[in-house]
Amino acid sequence: MSGISQATGILAARDGVWAAINTATAHRGSDIDRYYAPPDAIGSVRWVAMEDVSATPNLATLGPRRSFDEEISVGVSVGAWVAASGDPVADGRAAFDEAYGILAEIQTQIAQTDPTLGNAVLWCLPGRMSTAGVQDPEGGGYVVEIQAEFVCAHKVRPT
């Protein structure tokens, strides 16, 4: 919930989101790849990858012992690929459904089951997200990637 520096807060939030990803997707077993850092190449038709993490201090909350609140943002990539079935619209919808289904599992784990990420942060909630999907130009399938963010509150207590 609080740490002595921004570095401890960032690592605690990152590890908390990582634990939530693993818990939320455990039922999928080896049907999904999980990456603690962005991979060079995706090796599965479903994946989740941890991405950038940033901290923004709120120095307006600076206390007498130099404690302050900060916002930590944790980036996550979620994706799915669906093989071509002959119906590009259905393929695209299936890929979007699969990717958003994975993201919904992670969001539910964080927002409803463990919003403090195991007491690593004061709270964590879903933040911004954007989605892109593309059909294989050779007709081999459809891939969707969601760039999601989880926003956490943390208290820095340096003394």
N, C-alpha and C. Protein backbone atom coordinates (compact mmCIF):
# COMPACT_ATOMS: atom_id res chain seq x y z
N MET A 1 0.81 -1.19 0.00
CA MET A 1 0.00 0.00 0.00
C MET A 1 0.86 1.25 0.00
N SER A 2 2.03 1.15 0.61
CA SER A 2 2.94 2.28 0.56
C SER A 2 4.35 1.74 0.56
N GLY A 3 5.27 2.55 0.09
CA GLY A 3 6.66 2.14 0.03
C GLY A 3 7.56 3.31 0.27
N ILE A 4 8.84 3.05 0.39
CA ILE A 4 9.78 4.11 0.71
C ILE A 4 10.19 4.92 -0.51
N SER A 5 9.88 4.43 -1.71
CA SER A 5 10.27 5.16 -2.91
C SER A 5 9.32 4.85 -4.05
N GLN A 6 9.43 5.62 -5.12
CA GLN A 6 8.65 5.33 -6.32
C GLN A 6 9.05 3.97 -6.89
N ALA A 7 10.32 3.63 -6.81
CA ALA A 7 10.78 2.35 -7.36
C ALA A 7 10.11 1.17 -6.68
N THR A 8 9.99 1.21 -5.36
CA THR A 8 9.33 0.10 -4.68
C THR A 8 7.86 0.03 -5.05
N GLY A 9 7.23 1.18 -5.23
CA GLY A 9 5.82 1.20 -5.61
C GLY A 9 5.60 0.64 -7.00
N ILE A 10 6.45 1.04 -7.94
CA ILE A 10 6.33 0.55 -9.31
C ILE A 10 6.50 -0.97 -9.35
N LEU A 11 7.50 -1.47 -8.67
CA LEU A 11 7.73 -2.92 -8.68
C LEU A 11 6.60 -3.67 -8.00
N ALA A 12 6.08 -3.14 -6.91
CA ALA A 12 4.96 -3.80 -6.21
C ALA A 12 3.72 -3.82 -7.10
N ALA A 13 3.42 -2.70 -7.76
CA ALA A 13 2.25 -2.64 -8.64
C ALA A 13 2.42 -3.59 -9.82
N ARG A 14 3.60 -3.59 -10.42
CA ARG A 14 3.86 -4.47 -11.57
C ARG A 14 3.70 -5.94 -11.17
N ASP A 15 4.29 -6.32 -10.06
CA ASP A 15 4.18 -7.70 -9.60
C ASP A 15 2.75 -8.04 -9.21
N GLY A 16 2.01 -7.07 -8.66
CA GLY A 16 0.61 -7.30 -8.32
C GLY A 16 -0.25 -7.53 -9.55
N VAL A 17 -0.03 -6.73 -10.60
CA VAL A 17 -0.78 -6.93 -11.84
C VAL A 17 -0.38 -8.27 -12.47
N TRP A 18 0.90 -8.61 -12.42
CA TRP A 18 1.37 -9.89 -12.95
C TRP A 18 0.68 -11.05 -12.24
N ALA A 19 0.59 -10.98 -10.91
CA ALA A 19 -0.08 -12.04 -10.15
C ALA A 19 -1.57 -12.11 -10.53
N ALA A 20 -2.20 -10.96 -10.72
CA ALA A 20 -3.61 -10.93 -11.11
C ALA A 20 -3.81 -11.55 -12.49
N ILE A 21 -2.90 -11.27 -13.42
CA ILE A 21 -2.98 -11.87 -14.76
C ILE A 21 -2.91 -13.39 -14.65
N ASN A 22 -1.96 -13.88 -13.88
CA ASN A 22 -1.79 -15.33 -13.75
C ASN A 22 -2.98 -15.98 -13.07
N THR A 23 -3.52 -15.34 -12.04
CA THR A 23 -4.69 -15.88 -11.35
C THR A 23 -5.91 -15.88 -12.27
N ALA A 24 -6.12 -14.76 -12.96
CA ALA A 24 -7.30 -14.63 -13.82
C ALA A 24 -7.29 -15.58 -15.00
N THR A 25 -6.12 -15.90 -15.49
CA THR A 25 -6.02 -16.74 -16.70
C THR A 25 -5.56 -18.17 -16.40
N ALA A 26 -5.46 -18.52 -15.13
CA ALA A 26 -4.96 -19.86 -14.75
C ALA A 26 -5.81 -20.97 -15.37
N HIS A 27 -7.12 -20.78 -15.45
CA HIS A 27 -8.00 -21.82 -16.00
C HIS A 27 -7.72 -22.10 -17.48
N ARG A 28 -7.03 -21.19 -18.15
CA ARG A 28 -6.71 -21.38 -19.57
C ARG A 28 -5.48 -22.26 -19.76
N GLY A 29 -4.76 -22.53 -18.68
CA GLY A 29 -3.59 -23.40 -18.75
C GLY A 29 -2.59 -22.93 -19.77
N SER A 30 -2.15 -23.85 -20.63
CA SER A 30 -1.14 -23.51 -21.65
C SER A 30 -1.78 -23.00 -22.93
N ASP A 31 -3.09 -22.73 -22.93
CA ASP A 31 -3.75 -22.18 -24.11
C ASP A 31 -3.50 -20.69 -24.29
N ILE A 32 -2.74 -20.11 -23.38
CA ILE A 32 -2.42 -18.68 -23.47
C ILE A 32 -0.96 -18.49 -23.04
N ASP A 33 -0.26 -17.62 -23.74
CA ASP A 33 1.11 -17.28 -23.33
C ASP A 33 1.06 -16.05 -22.45
N ARG A 34 1.86 -16.05 -21.41
CA ARG A 34 1.96 -14.92 -20.49
C ARG A 34 3.41 -14.45 -20.49
N TYR A 35 3.60 -13.16 -20.70
CA TYR A 35 4.95 -12.60 -20.81
C TYR A 35 5.12 -11.51 -19.75
N TYR A 36 6.15 -11.64 -18.92
CA TYR A 36 6.41 -10.63 -17.89
C TYR A 36 6.93 -9.33 -18.51
N ALA A 37 7.45 -9.43 -19.70
CA ALA A 37 7.93 -8.26 -20.44
C ALA A 37 7.55 -8.47 -21.90
N PRO A 38 7.51 -7.40 -22.70
CA PRO A 38 7.15 -7.57 -24.11
C PRO A 38 8.09 -8.56 -24.81
N PRO A 39 7.51 -9.56 -25.47
CA PRO A 39 8.35 -10.57 -26.15
C PRO A 39 8.82 -10.07 -27.51
N ASP A 40 9.87 -10.71 -28.01
CA ASP A 40 10.31 -10.43 -29.37
C ASP A 40 9.29 -10.93 -30.38
N ALA A 41 8.69 -12.07 -30.07
CA ALA A 41 7.69 -12.66 -30.96
C ALA A 41 6.64 -13.36 -30.11
N ILE A 42 5.41 -13.32 -30.55
CA ILE A 42 4.32 -14.00 -29.88
C ILE A 42 4.31 -15.45 -30.34
N GLY A 43 4.22 -16.38 -29.40
CA GLY A 43 4.29 -17.80 -29.75
C GLY A 43 2.98 -18.55 -29.61
N SER A 44 1.87 -17.85 -29.43
CA SER A 44 0.59 -18.52 -29.20
C SER A 44 -0.52 -17.74 -29.90
N VAL A 45 -1.69 -18.35 -29.99
CA VAL A 45 -2.83 -17.66 -30.59
C VAL A 45 -3.54 -16.76 -29.58
N ARG A 46 -3.18 -16.86 -28.31
CA ARG A 46 -3.69 -15.97 -27.24
C ARG A 46 -2.52 -15.58 -26.36
N TRP A 47 -2.49 -14.32 -25.96
CA TRP A 47 -1.39 -13.87 -25.13
C TRP A 47 -1.77 -12.69 -24.26
N VAL A 48 -0.97 -12.53 -23.20
CA VAL A 48 -1.00 -11.36 -22.34
C VAL A 48 0.45 -11.01 -22.07
N ALA A 49 0.80 -9.74 -22.24
CA ALA A 49 2.18 -9.31 -21.99
C ALA A 49 2.19 -8.03 -21.16
N MET A 50 3.01 -8.02 -20.14
CA MET A 50 3.23 -6.80 -19.36
C MET A 50 4.02 -5.83 -20.23
N GLU A 51 3.70 -4.54 -20.11
CA GLU A 51 4.40 -3.55 -20.92
C GLU A 51 4.93 -2.43 -20.02
N ASP A 52 4.77 -1.21 -20.45
CA ASP A 52 5.34 -0.06 -19.75
C ASP A 52 4.67 0.17 -18.39
N VAL A 53 5.44 0.72 -17.49
CA VAL A 53 4.94 1.12 -16.17
C VAL A 53 5.44 2.54 -15.91
N SER A 54 4.55 3.39 -15.42
CA SER A 54 4.97 4.77 -15.12
C SER A 54 4.37 5.20 -13.79
N ALA A 55 5.04 6.14 -13.16
CA ALA A 55 4.57 6.70 -11.89
C ALA A 55 4.50 8.21 -12.03
N THR A 56 3.40 8.79 -11.55
CA THR A 56 3.21 10.23 -11.57
C THR A 56 2.97 10.71 -10.14
N PRO A 57 3.93 11.41 -9.57
CA PRO A 57 3.74 11.88 -8.19
C PRO A 57 2.74 13.03 -8.14
N ASN A 58 1.99 13.07 -7.06
CA ASN A 58 1.09 14.19 -6.80
C ASN A 58 1.71 14.99 -5.65
N LEU A 59 2.59 15.91 -6.00
CA LEU A 59 3.33 16.65 -4.97
C LEU A 59 2.45 17.65 -4.22
N ALA A 60 1.23 17.87 -4.69
CA ALA A 60 0.29 18.71 -3.94
C ALA A 60 -0.10 18.02 -2.63
N THR A 61 0.12 16.70 -2.55
CA THR A 61 -0.20 15.95 -1.33
C THR A 61 1.01 15.79 -0.42
N LEU A 62 2.09 16.51 -0.71
CA LEU A 62 3.33 16.39 0.07
C LEU A 62 3.07 16.66 1.54
N GLY A 63 3.44 15.70 2.37
CA GLY A 63 3.22 15.82 3.81
C GLY A 63 4.46 16.28 4.53
N PRO A 64 4.36 16.48 5.85
CA PRO A 64 5.49 17.00 6.63
C PRO A 64 6.71 16.08 6.64
N ARG A 65 6.51 14.81 6.40
CA ARG A 65 7.64 13.87 6.36
C ARG A 65 7.99 13.48 4.93
N ARG A 66 7.64 14.35 3.99
CA ARG A 66 7.90 14.19 2.57
C ARG A 66 7.16 13.00 1.96
N SER A 67 6.08 12.56 2.58
CA SER A 67 5.26 11.52 1.97
C SER A 67 4.33 12.18 0.94
N PHE A 68 3.96 11.44 -0.07
CA PHE A 68 3.05 11.96 -1.09
C PHE A 68 2.36 10.81 -1.80
N ASP A 69 1.23 11.13 -2.41
CA ASP A 69 0.49 10.15 -3.21
C ASP A 69 1.08 10.11 -4.61
N GLU A 70 0.94 8.96 -5.24
CA GLU A 70 1.33 8.86 -6.65
C GLU A 70 0.38 7.92 -7.37
N GLU A 71 0.32 8.12 -8.68
CA GLU A 71 -0.47 7.26 -9.55
C GLU A 71 0.50 6.41 -10.35
N ILE A 72 0.29 5.12 -10.33
CA ILE A 72 1.12 4.19 -11.09
C ILE A 72 0.26 3.59 -12.19
N SER A 73 0.74 3.66 -13.42
CA SER A 73 0.03 3.09 -14.56
C SER A 73 0.82 1.89 -15.08
N VAL A 74 0.13 0.76 -15.23
CA VAL A 74 0.76 -0.47 -15.70
C VAL A 74 0.12 -0.84 -17.04
N GLY A 75 0.94 -0.91 -18.08
CA GLY A 75 0.46 -1.27 -19.41
C GLY A 75 0.46 -2.77 -19.62
N VAL A 76 -0.58 -3.25 -20.29
CA VAL A 76 -0.73 -4.68 -20.57
C VAL A 76 -1.23 -4.83 -22.01
N SER A 77 -0.65 -5.76 -22.73
CA SER A 77 -1.10 -6.10 -24.08
C SER A 77 -1.83 -7.44 -24.01
N VAL A 78 -3.02 -7.48 -24.59
CA VAL A 78 -3.82 -8.70 -24.64
C VAL A 78 -4.15 -8.96 -26.10
N GLY A 79 -3.97 -10.19 -26.55
CA GLY A 79 -4.25 -10.45 -27.96
C GLY A 79 -4.77 -11.83 -28.24
N ALA A 80 -5.37 -11.95 -29.42
CA ALA A 80 -5.88 -13.24 -29.88
C ALA A 80 -5.85 -13.29 -31.40
N TRP A 81 -5.62 -14.48 -31.91
CA TRP A 81 -5.66 -14.74 -33.34
C TRP A 81 -6.67 -15.84 -33.59
N VAL A 82 -7.47 -15.69 -34.64
CA VAL A 82 -8.46 -16.70 -35.02
C VAL A 82 -8.19 -17.09 -36.46
N ALA A 83 -8.14 -18.38 -36.71
CA ALA A 83 -7.90 -18.88 -38.07
C ALA A 83 -9.09 -18.55 -38.97
N ALA A 84 -8.82 -18.39 -40.23
CA ALA A 84 -9.85 -18.07 -41.21
C ALA A 84 -10.86 -19.21 -41.33
N SER A 85 -12.12 -18.81 -41.42
CA SER A 85 -13.20 -19.80 -41.57
C SER A 85 -13.93 -19.63 -42.90
N GLY A 86 -13.51 -18.60 -43.65
CA GLY A 86 -14.20 -18.29 -44.89
C GLY A 86 -15.15 -17.11 -44.75
N ASP A 87 -15.39 -16.68 -43.51
CA ASP A 87 -16.25 -15.53 -43.25
C ASP A 87 -15.44 -14.48 -42.50
N PRO A 88 -14.87 -13.48 -43.20
CA PRO A 88 -13.98 -12.52 -42.55
C PRO A 88 -14.66 -11.72 -41.43
N VAL A 89 -15.95 -11.45 -41.56
CA VAL A 89 -16.65 -10.72 -40.50
C VAL A 89 -16.75 -11.58 -39.25
N ALA A 90 -17.11 -12.84 -39.41
CA ALA A 90 -17.20 -13.74 -38.26
C ALA A 90 -15.82 -13.97 -37.64
N ASP A 91 -14.79 -14.06 -38.47
CA ASP A 91 -13.43 -14.24 -37.96
C ASP A 91 -13.01 -13.04 -37.12
N GLY A 92 -13.28 -11.85 -37.65
CA GLY A 92 -12.93 -10.64 -36.91
C GLY A 92 -13.67 -10.57 -35.59
N ARG A 93 -14.95 -10.86 -35.61
CA ARG A 93 -15.75 -10.83 -34.37
C ARG A 93 -15.23 -11.85 -33.38
N ALA A 94 -14.89 -13.04 -33.84
CA ALA A 94 -14.37 -14.09 -32.96
C ALA A 94 -13.05 -13.67 -32.31
N ALA A 95 -12.18 -13.03 -33.08
CA ALA A 95 -10.90 -12.56 -32.52
C ALA A 95 -11.13 -11.46 -31.48
N PHE A 96 -12.02 -10.51 -31.78
CA PHE A 96 -12.33 -9.47 -30.80
C PHE A 96 -12.94 -10.08 -29.55
N ASP A 97 -13.88 -11.02 -29.71
CA ASP A 97 -14.52 -11.67 -28.56
C ASP A 97 -13.48 -12.36 -27.68
N GLU A 98 -12.55 -13.06 -28.32
CA GLU A 98 -11.53 -13.79 -27.56
C GLU A 98 -10.62 -12.83 -26.78
N ALA A 99 -10.13 -11.79 -27.44
CA ALA A 99 -9.24 -10.83 -26.77
C ALA A 99 -9.95 -10.10 -25.64
N TYR A 100 -11.17 -9.63 -25.90
CA TYR A 100 -11.91 -8.94 -24.85
C TYR A 100 -12.31 -9.88 -23.72
N GLY A 101 -12.53 -11.15 -24.02
CA GLY A 101 -12.82 -12.12 -22.96
C GLY A 101 -11.65 -12.27 -22.00
N ILE A 102 -10.45 -12.33 -22.55
CA ILE A 102 -9.25 -12.43 -21.70
C ILE A 102 -9.11 -11.16 -20.85
N LEU A 103 -9.26 -9.99 -21.49
CA LEU A 103 -9.15 -8.74 -20.75
C LEU A 103 -10.20 -8.65 -19.65
N ALA A 104 -11.42 -9.08 -19.93
CA ALA A 104 -12.48 -9.04 -18.93
C ALA A 104 -12.14 -9.90 -17.72
N GLU A 105 -11.51 -11.05 -17.94
CA GLU A 105 -11.10 -11.90 -16.82
C GLU A 105 -10.09 -11.18 -15.93
N ILE A 106 -9.13 -10.50 -16.56
CA ILE A 106 -8.11 -9.78 -15.79
C ILE A 106 -8.73 -8.59 -15.07
N GLN A 107 -9.59 -7.84 -15.77
CA GLN A 107 -10.23 -6.68 -15.14
C GLN A 107 -11.09 -7.11 -13.95
N THR A 108 -11.80 -8.20 -14.07
CA THR A 108 -12.63 -8.69 -12.97
C THR A 108 -11.76 -9.08 -11.78
N GLN A 109 -10.66 -9.77 -12.04
CA GLN A 109 -9.75 -10.16 -10.96
C GLN A 109 -9.24 -8.94 -10.21
N ILE A 110 -8.85 -7.90 -10.96
CA ILE A 110 -8.28 -6.71 -10.33
C ILE A 110 -9.36 -5.84 -9.69
N ALA A 111 -10.40 -5.51 -10.42
CA ALA A 111 -11.38 -4.53 -9.93
C ALA A 111 -12.33 -5.10 -8.88
N GLN A 112 -12.63 -6.39 -8.96
CA GLN A 112 -13.62 -6.95 -8.05
C GLN A 112 -13.04 -7.89 -7.01
N THR A 113 -12.07 -8.71 -7.40
CA THR A 113 -11.55 -9.71 -6.47
C THR A 113 -10.40 -9.20 -5.62
N ASP A 114 -9.46 -8.48 -6.23
CA ASP A 114 -8.27 -8.04 -5.50
C ASP A 114 -7.84 -6.63 -5.91
N PRO A 115 -8.62 -5.60 -5.58
CA PRO A 115 -8.30 -4.24 -6.02
C PRO A 115 -7.04 -3.64 -5.37
N THR A 116 -6.51 -4.28 -4.33
CA THR A 116 -5.26 -3.78 -3.74
C THR A 116 -4.04 -4.57 -4.22
N LEU A 117 -4.27 -5.49 -5.14
CA LEU A 117 -3.19 -6.33 -5.68
C LEU A 117 -2.39 -6.99 -4.55
N GLY A 118 -3.11 -7.63 -3.65
CA GLY A 118 -2.44 -8.30 -2.54
C GLY A 118 -1.81 -7.32 -1.56
N ASN A 119 -2.44 -6.17 -1.38
CA ASN A 119 -1.95 -5.09 -0.51
C ASN A 119 -0.69 -4.41 -1.02
N ALA A 120 -0.43 -4.53 -2.32
CA ALA A 120 0.73 -3.87 -2.92
C ALA A 120 0.46 -2.38 -3.15
N VAL A 121 -0.81 -2.03 -3.37
CA VAL A 121 -1.20 -0.65 -3.65
C VAL A 121 -2.47 -0.33 -2.86
N LEU A 122 -2.82 0.95 -2.80
CA LEU A 122 -4.05 1.34 -2.12
C LEU A 122 -5.27 0.84 -2.89
N TRP A 123 -5.24 0.96 -4.21
CA TRP A 123 -6.27 0.42 -5.09
C TRP A 123 -5.73 0.39 -6.51
N CYS A 124 -6.35 -0.44 -7.35
CA CYS A 124 -6.01 -0.54 -8.76
C CYS A 124 -7.30 -0.77 -9.53
N LEU A 125 -7.46 -0.02 -10.63
CA LEU A 125 -8.65 -0.12 -11.46
C LEU A 125 -8.26 -0.07 -12.94
N PRO A 126 -9.12 -0.58 -13.81
CA PRO A 126 -8.85 -0.46 -15.24
C PRO A 126 -8.78 1.00 -15.66
N GLY A 127 -7.86 1.31 -16.56
CA GLY A 127 -7.71 2.66 -17.09
C GLY A 127 -7.99 2.68 -18.58
N ARG A 128 -7.18 3.46 -19.29
CA ARG A 128 -7.38 3.61 -20.74
C ARG A 128 -7.12 2.30 -21.46
N MET A 129 -7.69 2.20 -22.66
CA MET A 129 -7.36 1.07 -23.52
C MET A 129 -7.65 1.45 -24.96
N SER A 130 -6.96 0.78 -25.85
CA SER A 130 -7.21 0.94 -27.28
C SER A 130 -7.06 -0.43 -27.93
N THR A 131 -7.71 -0.59 -29.06
CA THR A 131 -7.75 -1.88 -29.73
C THR A 131 -7.44 -1.72 -31.21
N ALA A 132 -6.73 -2.69 -31.75
CA ALA A 132 -6.51 -2.76 -33.19
C ALA A 132 -6.70 -4.20 -33.64
N GLY A 133 -7.29 -4.35 -34.79
CA GLY A 133 -7.47 -5.68 -35.36
C GLY A 133 -7.12 -5.64 -36.83
N VAL A 134 -6.62 -6.75 -37.34
CA VAL A 134 -6.25 -6.79 -38.75
C VAL A 134 -6.47 -8.20 -39.29
N GLN A 135 -6.97 -8.23 -40.52
CA GLN A 135 -7.15 -9.50 -41.21
C GLN A 135 -5.87 -9.80 -41.98
N ASP A 136 -5.44 -11.04 -41.93
CA ASP A 136 -4.28 -11.48 -42.69
C ASP A 136 -4.58 -11.22 -44.17
N PRO A 137 -3.72 -10.46 -44.88
CA PRO A 137 -3.99 -10.15 -46.28
C PRO A 137 -4.05 -11.39 -47.17
N GLU A 138 -3.49 -12.48 -46.72
CA GLU A 138 -3.54 -13.72 -47.49
C GLU A 138 -4.72 -14.60 -47.07
N GLY A 139 -5.57 -14.07 -46.18
CA GLY A 139 -6.77 -14.80 -45.78
C GLY A 139 -6.56 -15.86 -44.74
N GLY A 140 -5.44 -15.81 -44.00
CA GLY A 140 -5.13 -16.85 -43.02
C GLY A 140 -5.82 -16.70 -41.68
N GLY A 141 -6.40 -15.54 -41.41
CA GLY A 141 -7.06 -15.35 -40.12
C GLY A 141 -7.16 -13.89 -39.76
N TYR A 142 -7.44 -13.65 -38.50
CA TYR A 142 -7.67 -12.30 -37.98
C TYR A 142 -6.99 -12.19 -36.63
N VAL A 143 -6.27 -11.11 -36.39
CA VAL A 143 -5.60 -10.91 -35.11
C VAL A 143 -6.08 -9.60 -34.49
N VAL A 144 -6.26 -9.61 -33.18
CA VAL A 144 -6.67 -8.43 -32.42
C VAL A 144 -5.70 -8.24 -31.27
N GLU A 145 -5.30 -6.99 -31.04
CA GLU A 145 -4.47 -6.66 -29.88
C GLU A 145 -5.11 -5.50 -29.15
N ILE A 146 -5.20 -5.64 -27.84
CA ILE A 146 -5.73 -4.59 -26.97
C ILE A 146 -4.58 -4.06 -26.13
N GLN A 147 -4.38 -2.76 -26.16
CA GLN A 147 -3.43 -2.10 -25.27
C GLN A 147 -4.25 -1.57 -24.09
N ALA A 148 -4.08 -2.18 -22.93
CA ALA A 148 -4.85 -1.81 -21.74
C ALA A 148 -3.92 -1.22 -20.69
N GLU A 149 -4.52 -0.46 -19.81
CA GLU A 149 -3.77 0.17 -18.73
C GLU A 149 -4.52 -0.07 -17.43
N PHE A 150 -3.77 -0.32 -16.38
CA PHE A 150 -4.34 -0.41 -15.04
C PHE A 150 -3.73 0.71 -14.22
N VAL A 151 -4.57 1.46 -13.53
CA VAL A 151 -4.15 2.63 -12.77
C VAL A 151 -4.22 2.30 -11.29
N CYS A 152 -3.11 2.55 -10.59
CA CYS A 152 -3.01 2.23 -9.17
C CYS A 152 -2.70 3.47 -8.35
N ALA A 153 -3.18 3.50 -7.13
CA ALA A 153 -2.83 4.56 -6.18
C ALA A 153 -1.82 3.99 -5.19
N HIS A 154 -0.83 4.80 -4.87
CA HIS A 154 0.27 4.38 -4.00
C HIS A 154 0.68 5.56 -3.15
N LYS A 155 1.15 5.31 -1.98
CA LYS A 155 1.66 6.36 -1.07
C LYS A 155 3.15 6.15 -0.90
N VAL A 156 3.93 7.18 -1.21
CA VAL A 156 5.38 7.12 -1.03
C VAL A 156 5.70 7.72 0.33
N ARG A 157 6.46 6.98 1.13
CA ARG A 157 6.83 7.42 2.48
C ARG A 157 8.35 7.30 2.62
N PRO A 158 9.09 8.31 2.16
CA PRO A 158 10.55 8.18 2.13
C PRO A 158 11.24 8.22 3.49
N THR A 159 10.56 8.67 4.52
CA THR A 159 11.21 8.71 5.84
C THR A 159 10.38 8.00 6.89
